[in-house]
C-alpha atoms as a PDB file:
ATOM      1  CA  MET A   1      -0.320 -20.590  11.778  1.00  0.00           C
ATOM      2  CA  VAL A   2       2.746 -19.730   9.715  1.00  0.00           C
ATOM      3  CA  ARG A   3       2.773 -21.505   6.387  1.00  0.00           C
ATOM      4  CA  THR A   4       5.747 -21.824   4.026  1.00  0.00           C
ATOM      5  CA  ILE A   5       5.512 -22.497   0.320  1.00  0.00           C
ATOM      6  CA  VAL A   6       8.642 -23.047  -1.761  1.00  0.00           C
ATOM      7  CA  ALA A   7       8.492 -23.534  -5.514  1.00  0.00           C
ATOM      8  CA  GLU A   8       9.424 -27.102  -6.429  1.00  0.00           C
ATOM      9  CA  ASN A   9      10.231 -26.076  -9.962  1.00  0.00           C
ATOM     10  CA  ILE A  10      11.243 -22.455 -10.330  1.00  0.00           C
ATOM     11  CA  GLN A  11       9.572 -21.257 -13.482  1.00  0.00           C
ATOM     12  CA  ASN A  12      11.261 -18.825 -15.809  1.00  0.00           C
ATOM     13  CA  GLN A  13       8.853 -15.909 -15.529  1.00  0.00           C
ATOM     14  CA  GLY A  14      11.295 -13.056 -15.397  1.00  0.00           C
ATOM     15  CA  ALA A  15      12.834 -13.950 -12.024  1.00  0.00           C
ATOM     16  CA  THR A  16      16.599 -13.517 -11.979  1.00  0.00           C
ATOM     17  CA  ASP A  17      19.005 -15.773 -10.127  1.00  0.00           C
ATOM     18  CA  ASN A  18      19.257 -13.390  -7.184  1.00  0.00           C
ATOM     19  CA  LYS A  19      15.488 -13.081  -6.993  1.00  0.00           C
ATOM     20  CA  ALA A  20      15.241 -16.872  -6.710  1.00  0.00           C
ATOM     21  CA  LYS A  21      16.987 -16.541  -3.348  1.00  0.00           C
ATOM     22  CA  LYS A  22      14.589 -13.892  -2.000  1.00  0.00           C
ATOM     23  CA  ALA A  23      11.817 -14.333   0.512  1.00  0.00           C
ATOM     24  CA  VAL A  24       8.458 -12.666   1.056  1.00  0.00           C
ATOM     25  CA  GLY A  25       6.560 -12.374   4.333  1.00  0.00           C
ATOM     26  CA  VAL A  26       2.814 -12.095   3.685  1.00  0.00           C
ATOM     27  CA  LEU A  27       0.546 -10.398   6.241  1.00  0.00           C
ATOM     28  CA  GLY A  28      -3.200 -10.035   5.786  1.00  0.00           C
ATOM     29  CA  VAL A  29      -4.950  -7.157   7.540  1.00  0.00           C
ATOM     30  CA  PRO A  30      -8.751  -7.668   7.397  1.00  0.00           C
ATOM     31  CA  LEU A  31      -9.593  -4.185   8.640  1.00  0.00           C
ATOM     32  CA  ALA A  32     -12.472  -2.067   7.336  1.00  0.00           C
ATOM     33  CA  TYR A  33     -12.888   0.505  10.119  1.00  0.00           C
ATOM     34  CA  GLY A  34     -11.207   3.235   8.084  1.00  0.00           C
ATOM     35  CA  ALA A  35     -13.688   3.032   5.191  1.00  0.00           C
ATOM     36  CA  SER A  36     -17.356   3.816   4.685  1.00  0.00           C
ATOM     37  CA  MET A  37     -18.383   0.420   3.349  1.00  0.00           C
ATOM     38  CA  ALA A  38     -17.953  -3.133   4.570  1.00  0.00           C
ATOM     39  CA  GLY A  39     -16.246  -5.593   2.235  1.00  0.00           C
ATOM     40  CA  VAL A  40     -12.589  -4.547   2.271  1.00  0.00           C
ATOM     41  CA  GLU A  41     -11.961  -6.750   5.301  1.00  0.00           C
ATOM     42  CA  LEU A  42     -12.235  -9.709   2.915  1.00  0.00           C
ATOM     43  CA  GLY A  43      -9.526  -8.366   0.600  1.00  0.00           C
ATOM     44  CA  PRO A  44      -6.749 -10.601   1.996  1.00  0.00           C
ATOM     45  CA  ALA A  45      -8.910 -13.689   1.509  1.00  0.00           C
ATOM     46  CA  ALA A  46      -9.758 -12.667  -2.058  1.00  0.00           C
ATOM     47  CA  LEU A  47      -6.078 -12.271  -2.924  1.00  0.00           C
ATOM     48  CA  ARG A  48      -5.288 -15.675  -1.478  1.00  0.00           C
ATOM     49  CA  VAL A  49      -8.193 -17.231  -3.397  1.00  0.00           C
ATOM     50  CA  ALA A  50      -6.443 -15.904  -6.509  1.00  0.00           C
ATOM     51  CA  ARG A  51      -3.512 -18.214  -5.623  1.00  0.00           C
ATOM     52  CA  LEU A  52      -1.260 -15.382  -4.461  1.00  0.00           C
ATOM     53  CA  ASN A  53       1.251 -17.441  -2.485  1.00  0.00           C
ATOM     54  CA  ARG A  54       1.663 -20.202  -5.036  1.00  0.00           C
ATOM     55  CA  ARG A  55       2.117 -17.737  -7.886  1.00  0.00           C
ATOM     56  CA  ILE A  56       4.773 -15.809  -5.950  1.00  0.00           C
ATOM     57  CA  ALA A  57       6.558 -19.078  -5.194  1.00  0.00           C
ATOM     58  CA  GLN A  58       6.572 -19.865  -8.913  1.00  0.00           C
ATOM     59  CA  LEU A  59       8.722 -16.768  -9.400  1.00  0.00           C
ATOM     60  CA  GLY A  60      11.386 -18.372  -7.240  1.00  0.00           C
ATOM     61  CA  TYR A  61      10.566 -16.783  -3.894  1.00  0.00           C
ATOM     62  CA  GLU A  62      10.214 -18.454  -0.542  1.00  0.00           C
ATOM     63  CA  VAL A  63       6.824 -17.387   0.819  1.00  0.00           C
ATOM     64  CA  ARG A  64       6.166 -17.200   4.541  1.00  0.00           C
ATOM     65  CA  ASP A  65       2.500 -16.508   5.201  1.00  0.00           C
ATOM     66  CA  LEU A  66       1.904 -15.024   8.634  1.00  0.00           C
ATOM     67  CA  GLY A  67      -1.846 -15.350   8.185  1.00  0.00           C
ATOM     68  CA  ASP A  68      -4.192 -12.519   9.086  1.00  0.00           C
ATOM     69  CA  LEU A  69      -3.715  -9.940  11.815  1.00  0.00           C
ATOM     70  CA  HIS A  70      -6.293 -10.196  14.576  1.00  0.00           C
ATOM     71  CA  VAL A  71      -8.442  -7.057  14.345  1.00  0.00           C
ATOM     72  CA  GLU A  72     -10.291  -6.041  17.496  1.00  0.00           C
ATOM     73  CA  GLN A  73     -14.072  -6.034  17.182  1.00  0.00           C
ATOM     74  CA  SER A  74     -15.584  -2.653  17.972  1.00  0.00           C
ATOM     75  CA  GLN A  75     -18.055  -2.533  20.843  1.00  0.00           C
ATOM     76  CA  SER A  76     -19.671   0.708  19.679  1.00  0.00           C
ATOM     77  CA  THR A  77     -20.424   2.790  16.595  1.00  0.00           C
ATOM     78  CA  PRO A  78     -19.132   6.326  15.988  1.00  0.00           C
ATOM     79  CA  GLU A  79     -21.281   9.306  16.856  1.00  0.00           C
ATOM     80  CA  PRO A  80     -22.800  11.181  13.888  1.00  0.00           C
ATOM     81  CA  GLY A  81     -20.281  13.691  12.562  1.00  0.00           C
ATOM     82  CA  ALA A  82     -17.318  12.028  14.288  1.00  0.00           C
ATOM     83  CA  LYS A  83     -14.010  13.207  12.832  1.00  0.00           C
ATOM     84  CA  LEU A  84     -11.948  10.134  13.748  1.00  0.00           C
ATOM     85  CA  LYS A  85     -14.158   7.083  13.369  1.00  0.00           C
ATOM     86  CA  TYR A  86     -12.893   3.951  15.110  1.00  0.00           C
ATOM     87  CA  LEU A  87      -9.685   5.681  16.170  1.00  0.00           C
ATOM     88  CA  ARG A  88      -8.931   3.273  19.010  1.00  0.00           C
ATOM     89  CA  GLU A  89      -9.387   0.139  16.910  1.00  0.00           C
ATOM     90  CA  ILE A  90      -7.367   1.477  13.988  1.00  0.00           C
ATOM     91  CA  THR A  91      -4.555   2.712  16.221  1.00  0.00           C
ATOM     92  CA  ALA A  92      -4.296  -0.669  17.949  1.00  0.00           C
ATOM     93  CA  ALA A  93      -4.195  -2.483  14.605  1.00  0.00           C
ATOM     94  CA  CYS A  94      -1.561  -0.123  13.191  1.00  0.00           C
ATOM     95  CA  GLU A  95       0.711  -0.599  16.204  1.00  0.00           C
ATOM     96  CA  ASP A  96       0.460  -4.359  15.685  1.00  0.00           C
ATOM     97  CA  ILE A  97       1.053  -4.052  11.925  1.00  0.00           C
ATOM     98  CA  ALA A  98       4.138  -1.872  12.473  1.00  0.00           C
ATOM     99  CA  GLU A  99       5.648  -4.423  14.838  1.00  0.00           C
ATOM    100  CA  LYS A 100       4.986  -7.336  12.486  1.00  0.00           C
ATOM    101  CA  VAL A 101       6.290  -5.522   9.393  1.00  0.00           C
ATOM    102  CA  GLU A 102       9.466  -4.602  11.222  1.00  0.00           C
ATOM    103  CA  GLY A 103       9.852  -8.237  12.233  1.00  0.00           C
ATOM    104  CA  VAL A 104       9.504  -9.385   8.616  1.00  0.00           C
ATOM    105  CA  LEU A 105      12.186  -6.916   7.556  1.00  0.00           C
ATOM    106  CA  GLN A 106      14.488  -8.029  10.374  1.00  0.00           C
ATOM    107  CA  ALA A 107      14.090 -11.592   9.106  1.00  0.00           C
ATOM    108  CA  GLY A 108      15.478 -10.469   5.742  1.00  0.00           C
ATOM    109  CA  GLU A 109      12.147 -10.794   3.953  1.00  0.00           C
ATOM    110  CA  LEU A 110      10.128  -8.355   1.888  1.00  0.00           C
ATOM    111  CA  PRO A 111       6.849  -7.538   3.657  1.00  0.00           C
ATOM    112  CA  LEU A 112       3.756  -7.985   1.491  1.00  0.00           C
ATOM    113  CA  ILE A 113       0.747  -6.463   3.255  1.00  0.00           C
ATOM    114  CA  LEU A 114      -2.768  -7.289   2.083  1.00  0.00           C
ATOM    115  CA  GLY A 115      -5.558  -4.868   2.972  1.00  0.00           C
ATOM    116  CA  GLY A 116      -8.010  -3.980   4.292  1.00  0.00           C
ATOM    117  CA  ASP A 117      -8.585  -0.265   3.863  1.00  0.00           C
ATOM    118  CA  HIS A 118      -5.783   2.243   3.381  1.00  0.00           C
ATOM    119  CA  SER A 119      -5.652   3.302   7.026  1.00  0.00           C
ATOM    120  CA  ILE A 120      -3.439   0.227   7.545  1.00  0.00           C
ATOM    121  CA  ALA A 121      -0.617   2.040   5.718  1.00  0.00           C
ATOM    122  CA  ILE A 122      -0.088   4.042   8.903  1.00  0.00           C
ATOM    123  CA  GLY A 123       1.033   0.788  10.486  1.00  0.00           C
ATOM    124  CA  SER A 124       2.864  -0.856   7.605  1.00  0.00           C
ATOM    125  CA  ILE A 125       4.906   2.177   6.608  1.00  0.00           C
ATOM    126  CA  SER A 126       5.595   3.003  10.251  1.00  0.00           C
ATOM    127  CA  GLY A 127       7.117  -0.466  10.585  1.00  0.00           C
ATOM    128  CA  PHE A 128       9.303   0.121   7.527  1.00  0.00           C
ATOM    129  CA  ALA A 129      10.298   3.589   8.752  1.00  0.00           C
ATOM    130  CA  SER A 130      11.159   2.210  12.188  1.00  0.00           C
ATOM    131  CA  HIS A 131      13.357  -0.446  10.597  1.00  0.00           C
ATOM    132  CA  CYS A 132      15.172   2.263   8.635  1.00  0.00           C
ATOM    133  CA  ARG A 133      15.470   4.558  11.656  1.00  0.00           C
ATOM    134  CA  LYS A 134      17.224   1.919  13.755  1.00  0.00           C
ATOM    135  CA  ARG A 135      19.786   1.589  10.986  1.00  0.00           C
ATOM    136  CA  ASN A 136      20.254   5.333  10.474  1.00  0.00           C
ATOM    137  CA  LYS A 137      18.669   5.058   7.047  1.00  0.00           C
ATOM    138  CA  SER A 138      15.976   7.230   5.475  1.00  0.00           C
ATOM    139  CA  PRO A 139      12.741   5.669   4.139  1.00  0.00           C
ATOM    140  CA  GLY A 140      11.229   6.545   0.771  1.00  0.00           C
ATOM    141  CA  LEU A 141       7.694   6.022  -0.488  1.00  0.00           C
ATOM    142  CA  ILE A 142       5.696   5.566  -3.701  1.00  0.00           C
ATOM    143  CA  TRP A 143       1.952   5.889  -3.035  1.00  0.00           C
ATOM    144  CA  PHE A 144      -0.565   4.903  -5.744  1.00  0.00           C
ATOM    145  CA  ASP A 145      -4.053   6.314  -5.164  1.00  0.00           C
ATOM    146  CA  ALA A 146      -6.906   8.214  -6.799  1.00  0.00           C
ATOM    147  CA  HIS A 147      -7.116  10.320  -3.644  1.00  0.00           C
ATOM    148  CA  ALA A 148      -4.508  12.329  -1.777  1.00  0.00           C
ATOM    149  CA  ASP A 149      -5.151  10.661   1.618  1.00  0.00           C
ATOM    150  CA  MET A 150      -3.881  13.898   3.142  1.00  0.00           C
ATOM    151  CA  ASN A 151      -6.840  14.906   5.305  1.00  0.00           C
ATOM    152  CA  THR A 152      -6.682  15.532   9.044  1.00  0.00           C
ATOM    153  CA  PRO A 153      -9.482  15.615  11.643  1.00  0.00           C
ATOM    154  CA  GLU A 154      -9.872  19.335  10.939  1.00  0.00           C
ATOM    155  CA  THR A 155     -10.367  18.908   7.180  1.00  0.00           C
ATOM    156  CA  THR A 156     -11.946  15.467   6.727  1.00  0.00           C
ATOM    157  CA  PRO A 157     -15.382  15.547   5.095  1.00  0.00           C
ATOM    158  CA  SER A 158     -16.250  12.037   6.306  1.00  0.00           C
ATOM    159  CA  GLY A 159     -14.296  11.205   9.445  1.00  0.00           C
ATOM    160  CA  ASN A 160     -12.992   8.068   7.716  1.00  0.00           C
ATOM    161  CA  ILE A 161      -9.377   7.476   8.634  1.00  0.00           C
ATOM    162  CA  HIS A 162      -8.560   5.858   5.273  1.00  0.00           C
ATOM    163  CA  GLY A 163      -8.510   9.434   3.954  1.00  0.00           C
ATOM    164  CA  MET A 164      -5.772  10.440   6.418  1.00  0.00           C
ATOM    165  CA  PRO A 165      -2.862   7.960   6.351  1.00  0.00           C
ATOM    166  CA  LEU A 166      -0.362   9.889   4.236  1.00  0.00           C
ATOM    167  CA  ALA A 167      -0.887  13.012   6.348  1.00  0.00           C
ATOM    168  CA  ALA A 168      -0.411  10.970   9.529  1.00  0.00           C
ATOM    169  CA  LEU A 169       2.837   9.461   8.235  1.00  0.00           C
ATOM    170  CA  LEU A 170       4.091  12.969   7.510  1.00  0.00           C
ATOM    171  CA  GLY A 171       3.316  13.979  11.092  1.00  0.00           C
ATOM    172  CA  LEU A 172      -0.041  15.698  10.595  1.00  0.00           C
ATOM    173  CA  GLY A 173      -3.249  14.790  12.383  1.00  0.00           C
ATOM    174  CA  ALA A 174      -4.298  12.950  15.521  1.00  0.00           C
ATOM    175  CA  PRO A 175      -1.366  12.126  17.858  1.00  0.00           C
ATOM    176  CA  GLU A 176      -2.642   8.562  18.223  1.00  0.00           C
ATOM    177  CA  LEU A 177      -2.009   8.067  14.498  1.00  0.00           C
ATOM    178  CA  THR A 178       1.089  10.192  13.998  1.00  0.00           C
ATOM    179  CA  ASN A 179       2.897   8.519  16.912  1.00  0.00           C
ATOM    180  CA  VAL A 180       2.358   4.906  15.886  1.00  0.00           C
ATOM    181  CA  ALA A 181       5.636   3.031  16.529  1.00  0.00           C
ATOM    182  CA  GLY A 182       6.707   5.761  18.932  1.00  0.00           C
ATOM    183  CA  PHE A 183       8.016   8.543  16.702  1.00  0.00           C
ATOM    184  CA  THR A 184       6.879  11.175  14.223  1.00  0.00           C
ATOM    185  CA  PRO A 185       7.131  12.084  11.402  1.00  0.00           C
ATOM    186  CA  LYS A 186       7.880   8.821   9.636  1.00  0.00           C
ATOM    187  CA  LEU A 187       8.751  10.313   6.259  1.00  0.00           C
ATOM    188  CA  ASP A 188      10.506  13.233   4.609  1.00  0.00           C
ATOM    189  CA  PRO A 189       8.164  14.703   1.946  1.00  0.00           C
ATOM    190  CA  ALA A 190      11.160  15.155  -0.367  1.00  0.00           C
ATOM    191  CA  LEU A 191      11.540  11.347  -0.532  1.00  0.00           C
ATOM    192  CA  CYS A 192       7.886  10.608  -1.258  1.00  0.00           C
ATOM    193  CA  VAL A 193       5.892  10.465  -4.497  1.00  0.00           C
ATOM    194  CA  HIS A 194       2.148  10.145  -4.966  1.00  0.00           C
ATOM    195  CA  VAL A 195       1.022   8.650  -8.294  1.00  0.00           C
ATOM    196  CA  GLY A 196      -2.417   8.672  -9.928  1.00  0.00           C
ATOM    197  CA  ALA A 197      -4.339  11.373  -8.065  1.00  0.00           C
ATOM    198  CA  ARG A 198      -7.533  12.640  -9.674  1.00  0.00           C
ATOM    199  CA  ASP A 199      -9.810  13.448  -6.715  1.00  0.00           C
ATOM    200  CA  ILE A 200      -8.210  15.826  -4.198  1.00  0.00           C
ATOM    201  CA  ASP A 201     -10.057  17.884  -1.564  1.00  0.00           C
ATOM    202  CA  ARG A 202      -9.509  21.650  -1.377  1.00  0.00           C
ATOM    203  CA  ASP A 203      -7.664  21.598   1.942  1.00  0.00           C
ATOM    204  CA  GLU A 204      -5.507  18.733   0.753  1.00  0.00           C
ATOM    205  CA  ARG A 205      -4.346  20.823  -2.222  1.00  0.00           C
ATOM    206  CA  GLU A 206      -3.053  23.490   0.127  1.00  0.00           C
ATOM    207  CA  ARG A 207      -1.319  20.902   2.293  1.00  0.00           C
ATOM    208  CA  VAL A 208       0.352  19.221  -0.674  1.00  0.00           C
ATOM    209  CA  GLY A 209       1.672  22.565  -1.891  1.00  0.00           C
ATOM    210  CA  ARG A 210       2.934  23.564   1.537  1.00  0.00           C
ATOM    211  CA  LEU A 211       4.774  20.303   2.156  1.00  0.00           C
ATOM    212  CA  GLY A 212       6.221  20.147  -1.343  1.00  0.00           C
ATOM    213  CA  ILE A 213       5.507  16.441  -1.753  1.00  0.00           C
ATOM    214  CA  ARG A 214       5.648  15.355  -5.402  1.00  0.00           C
ATOM    215  CA  PHE A 215       2.208  14.498  -6.803  1.00  0.00           C
ATOM    216  CA  ILE A 216       2.048  12.968 -10.281  1.00  0.00           C
ATOM    217  CA  THR A 217      -1.596  13.382 -11.249  1.00  0.00           C
ATOM    218  CA  MET A 218      -3.520  11.547 -13.938  1.00  0.00           C
ATOM    219  CA  ARG A 219      -3.287  14.593 -16.196  1.00  0.00           C
ATOM    220  CA  GLU A 220       0.488  14.482 -16.005  1.00  0.00           C
ATOM    221  CA  ILE A 221       0.460  10.755 -16.726  1.00  0.00           C
ATOM    222  CA  ASP A 222      -1.753  11.464 -19.749  1.00  0.00           C
ATOM    223  CA  GLU A 223       0.613  14.166 -21.004  1.00  0.00           C
ATOM    224  CA  ARG A 224       4.015  12.643 -20.252  1.00  0.00           C
ATOM    225  CA  GLY A 225       3.265   8.940 -20.293  1.00  0.00           C
ATOM    226  CA  MET A 226       3.570   6.419 -17.486  1.00  0.00           C
ATOM    227  CA  SER A 227       7.144   5.427 -18.308  1.00  0.00           C
ATOM    228  CA  ALA A 228       8.548   8.937 -17.845  1.00  0.00           C
ATOM    229  CA  CYS A 229       6.426   9.537 -14.756  1.00  0.00           C
ATOM    230  CA  MET A 230       7.589   6.325 -13.102  1.00  0.00           C
ATOM    231  CA  ASP A 231      11.206   7.075 -13.938  1.00  0.00           C
ATOM    232  CA  GLU A 232      10.815  10.315 -11.991  1.00  0.00           C
ATOM    233  CA  ALA A 233       8.920   8.691  -9.120  1.00  0.00           C
ATOM    234  CA  ILE A 234      11.559   5.992  -8.715  1.00  0.00           C
ATOM    235  CA  GLU A 235      14.370   8.524  -8.929  1.00  0.00           C
ATOM    236  CA  ILE A 236      12.857  10.587  -6.107  1.00  0.00           C
ATOM    237  CA  ALA A 237      12.060   7.614  -3.850  1.00  0.00           C
ATOM    238  CA  SER A 238      15.502   6.123  -4.528  1.00  0.00           C
ATOM    239  CA  ARG A 239      17.148   9.129  -2.886  1.00  0.00           C
ATOM    240  CA  ALA A 240      16.169   7.503   0.407  1.00  0.00           C
ATOM    241  CA  SER A 241      19.150   5.597   1.764  1.00  0.00           C
ATOM    242  CA  GLY A 242      16.915   2.810   3.122  1.00  0.00           C
ATOM    243  CA  GLY A 243      14.984   2.105  -0.065  1.00  0.00           C
ATOM    244  CA  TYR A 244      11.279   2.723  -0.420  1.00  0.00           C
ATOM    245  CA  ALA A 245       7.893   1.281   0.407  1.00  0.00           C
ATOM    246  CA  VAL A 246       5.195   0.915  -2.243  1.00  0.00           C
ATOM    247  CA  THR A 247       1.522   1.083  -1.301  1.00  0.00           C
ATOM    248  CA  PHE A 248      -1.128   0.542  -3.966  1.00  0.00           C
ATOM    249  CA  ASP A 249      -4.785   1.481  -3.497  1.00  0.00           C
ATOM    250  CA  VAL A 250      -6.802  -0.295  -6.186  1.00  0.00           C
ATOM    251  CA  ASP A 251      -8.887   2.840  -6.728  1.00  0.00           C
ATOM    252  CA  ALA A 252      -5.817   4.182  -8.549  1.00  0.00           C
ATOM    253  CA  LEU A 253      -6.933   1.841 -11.342  1.00  0.00           C
ATOM    254  CA  ASP A 254      -9.682   2.627 -13.794  1.00  0.00           C
ATOM    255  CA  PRO A 255     -13.012   1.185 -12.566  1.00  0.00           C
ATOM    256  CA  GLY A 256     -13.379  -0.735 -15.806  1.00  0.00           C
ATOM    257  CA  ASP A 257     -10.380  -2.850 -14.827  1.00  0.00           C
ATOM    258  CA  ALA A 258     -10.929  -2.794 -11.071  1.00  0.00           C
ATOM    259  CA  PRO A 259     -14.612  -2.538 -10.131  1.00  0.00           C
ATOM    260  CA  GLY A 260     -14.063  -3.866  -6.610  1.00  0.00           C
ATOM    261  CA  SER A 261     -13.442  -0.611  -4.754  1.00  0.00           C
ATOM    262  CA  GLY A 262     -15.730   1.455  -2.566  1.00  0.00           C
ATOM    263  CA  THR A 263     -14.203   4.749  -3.752  1.00  0.00           C
ATOM    264  CA  LEU A 264     -14.354   4.501  -7.538  1.00  0.00           C
ATOM    265  CA  VAL A 265     -13.274   7.492  -9.618  1.00  0.00           C
ATOM    266  CA  ARG A 266     -13.412   7.383 -13.412  1.00  0.00           C
ATOM    267  CA  GLY A 267     -10.289   7.894 -15.488  1.00  0.00           C
ATOM    268  CA  GLY A 268      -7.708   5.901 -13.552  1.00  0.00           C
ATOM    269  CA  LEU A 269      -4.629   3.940 -14.509  1.00  0.00           C
ATOM    270  CA  THR A 270      -5.163   1.448 -17.291  1.00  0.00           C
ATOM    271  CA  TYR A 271      -4.286  -2.219 -16.969  1.00  0.00           C
ATOM    272  CA  ARG A 272      -1.058  -1.749 -18.918  1.00  0.00           C
ATOM    273  CA  GLU A 273      -0.068   1.517 -17.198  1.00  0.00           C
ATOM    274  CA  ALA A 274      -0.340  -0.180 -13.816  1.00  0.00           C
ATOM    275  CA  HIS A 275       1.695  -3.177 -14.943  1.00  0.00           C
ATOM    276  CA  LEU A 276       4.329  -0.925 -16.468  1.00  0.00           C
ATOM    277  CA  ALA A 277       4.613   0.959 -13.179  1.00  0.00           C
ATOM    278  CA  MET A 278       5.121  -2.271 -11.240  1.00  0.00           C
ATOM    279  CA  GLU A 279       7.549  -3.676 -13.792  1.00  0.00           C
ATOM    280  CA  LYS A 280       9.695  -0.544 -13.601  1.00  0.00           C
ATOM    281  CA  ILE A 281       9.677  -0.718  -9.802  1.00  0.00           C
ATOM    282  CA  ALA A 282      10.883  -4.317 -10.003  1.00  0.00           C
ATOM    283  CA  GLU A 283      13.655  -3.391 -12.434  1.00  0.00           C
ATOM    284  CA  ALA A 284      14.844  -0.528 -10.229  1.00  0.00           C
ATOM    285  CA  GLY A 285      15.360  -2.860  -7.281  1.00  0.00           C
ATOM    286  CA  GLY A 286      14.791  -0.348  -4.470  1.00  0.00           C
ATOM    287  CA  MET A 287      11.424  -1.563  -3.161  1.00  0.00           C
ATOM    288  CA  ARG A 288      11.617  -2.815   0.434  1.00  0.00           C
ATOM    289  CA  SER A 289       7.911  -3.251   1.249  1.00  0.00           C
ATOM    290  CA  LEU A 290       4.762  -3.741  -0.846  1.00  0.00           C
ATOM    291  CA  GLU A 291       1.121  -3.243   0.077  1.00  0.00           C
ATOM    292  CA  VAL A 292      -2.180  -3.637  -1.826  1.00  0.00           C
ATOM    293  CA  VAL A 293      -5.338  -2.232  -0.257  1.00  0.00           C
ATOM    294  CA  GLU A 294      -9.030  -1.378  -0.679  1.00  0.00           C
ATOM    295  CA  ILE A 295     -10.197  -4.466  -2.590  1.00  0.00           C
ATOM    296  CA  ASN A 296     -13.892  -4.606  -1.732  1.00  0.00           C
ATOM    297  CA  THR A 297     -15.187  -8.098  -2.373  1.00  0.00           C
ATOM    298  CA  ALA A 298     -18.814  -7.006  -1.968  1.00  0.00           C
ATOM    299  CA  LEU A 299     -18.433  -4.771  -5.007  1.00  0.00           C
ATOM    300  CA  ASP A 300     -16.085  -6.899  -7.109  1.00  0.00           C
ATOM    301  CA  ILE A 301     -17.149  -8.966 -10.121  1.00  0.00           C
ATOM    302  CA  ASN A 302     -15.950 -12.588 -10.200  1.00  0.00           C
ATOM    303  CA  ASN A 303     -12.892 -11.645  -8.116  1.00  0.00           C
ATOM    304  CA  LYS A 304     -11.669  -9.511 -11.050  1.00  0.00           C
ATOM    305  CA  THR A 305     -10.028  -6.846  -8.899  1.00  0.00           C
ATOM    306  CA  ALA A 306      -8.291  -9.349  -6.652  1.00  0.00           C
ATOM    307  CA  GLU A 307      -6.972 -11.222  -9.706  1.00  0.00           C
ATOM    308  CA  LEU A 308      -5.550  -7.969 -11.045  1.00  0.00           C
ATOM    309  CA  GLY A 309      -4.110  -7.199  -7.615  1.00  0.00           C
ATOM    310  CA  VAL A 310      -2.206 -10.487  -7.675  1.00  0.00           C
ATOM    311  CA  GLU A 311      -0.972  -9.813 -11.211  1.00  0.00           C
ATOM    312  CA  LEU A 312       0.366  -6.411 -10.151  1.00  0.00           C
ATOM    313  CA  ILE A 313       2.080  -7.926  -7.128  1.00  0.00           C
ATOM    314  CA  LEU A 314       3.770 -10.450  -9.406  1.00  0.00           C
ATOM    315  CA  SER A 315       4.946  -7.670 -11.731  1.00  0.00           C
ATOM    316  CA  ALA A 316       6.364  -5.756  -8.760  1.00  0.00           C
ATOM    317  CA  LEU A 317       8.229  -8.906  -7.705  1.00  0.00           C
ATOM    318  CA  GLY A 318       9.853  -9.377 -11.090  1.00  0.00           C
ATOM    319  CA  LYS A 319       7.504 -11.219 -13.401  1.00  0.00           C
ATOM    320  CA  THR A 320       8.002 -10.102 -17.008  1.00  0.00           C
ATOM    321  CA  ILE A 321       6.598 -11.017 -20.384  1.00  0.00           C
ATOM    322  CA  LEU A 322       9.893 -12.567 -21.537  1.00  0.00           C
END
């Protein structure tokens, strides 16, 4: 069922007059096949429990909630050592996601995709790229993550597809994944930026260097500061004529602020660094799609990570301190 929430009294929380006329299409994707641990399939529900829709509406947006994508139940388990676990189920979900995201964009709304594990980005960003392609526009990307997500079946240490989505979007990996939405590659590496990496596999390092995609690691954020790093990230992604998608894996955050992730790595973005990043994205005005993934409710504490996820979404949509 499609539900619509419109703010009765638009609160002054940093929303400008033009933002008050904007609309968001929310799509939950309760998919966990790409990860090692169950729990991320409840991420969309956790974000909604944190009053996501109502709080977005209070910024002056019209919110159209498309509910949750139906995810096919697997009838089997992967063989030991499989290099593409649950490929069929993930591919089917990503094709559906791409179609729905493109529909949200065609309706003039900003897609807000709630994960689910990060394999769903293959679908969401494919939908955005398809929308751009039909308009002869180029898509950009800002990808927040502790990991590179640049593995392929030949290099994956786990066989988990949530470690492969960025490679697939760049045209590398299994054809079933690279050809979602009917074309490949989806992105030009020169228009993409990865922010927050601190755990990259050896083969991924080589691939990143060969493609020339801009990676802003945690060390660089430490040295230069988040403000300067985000200025550069936005400048690169803004070269895309169709605007840019933003996808945020909560493991980019420090585990102290976001314990609800199955792939925790110490030394991530602080609470304020993450908010600053989202606030600068909102100010720049080029974001065309937003996604938050990998909230694992089984590992979270009192819905802390989902609450922070909602706060970051609000910052990306224009909420400010004054």
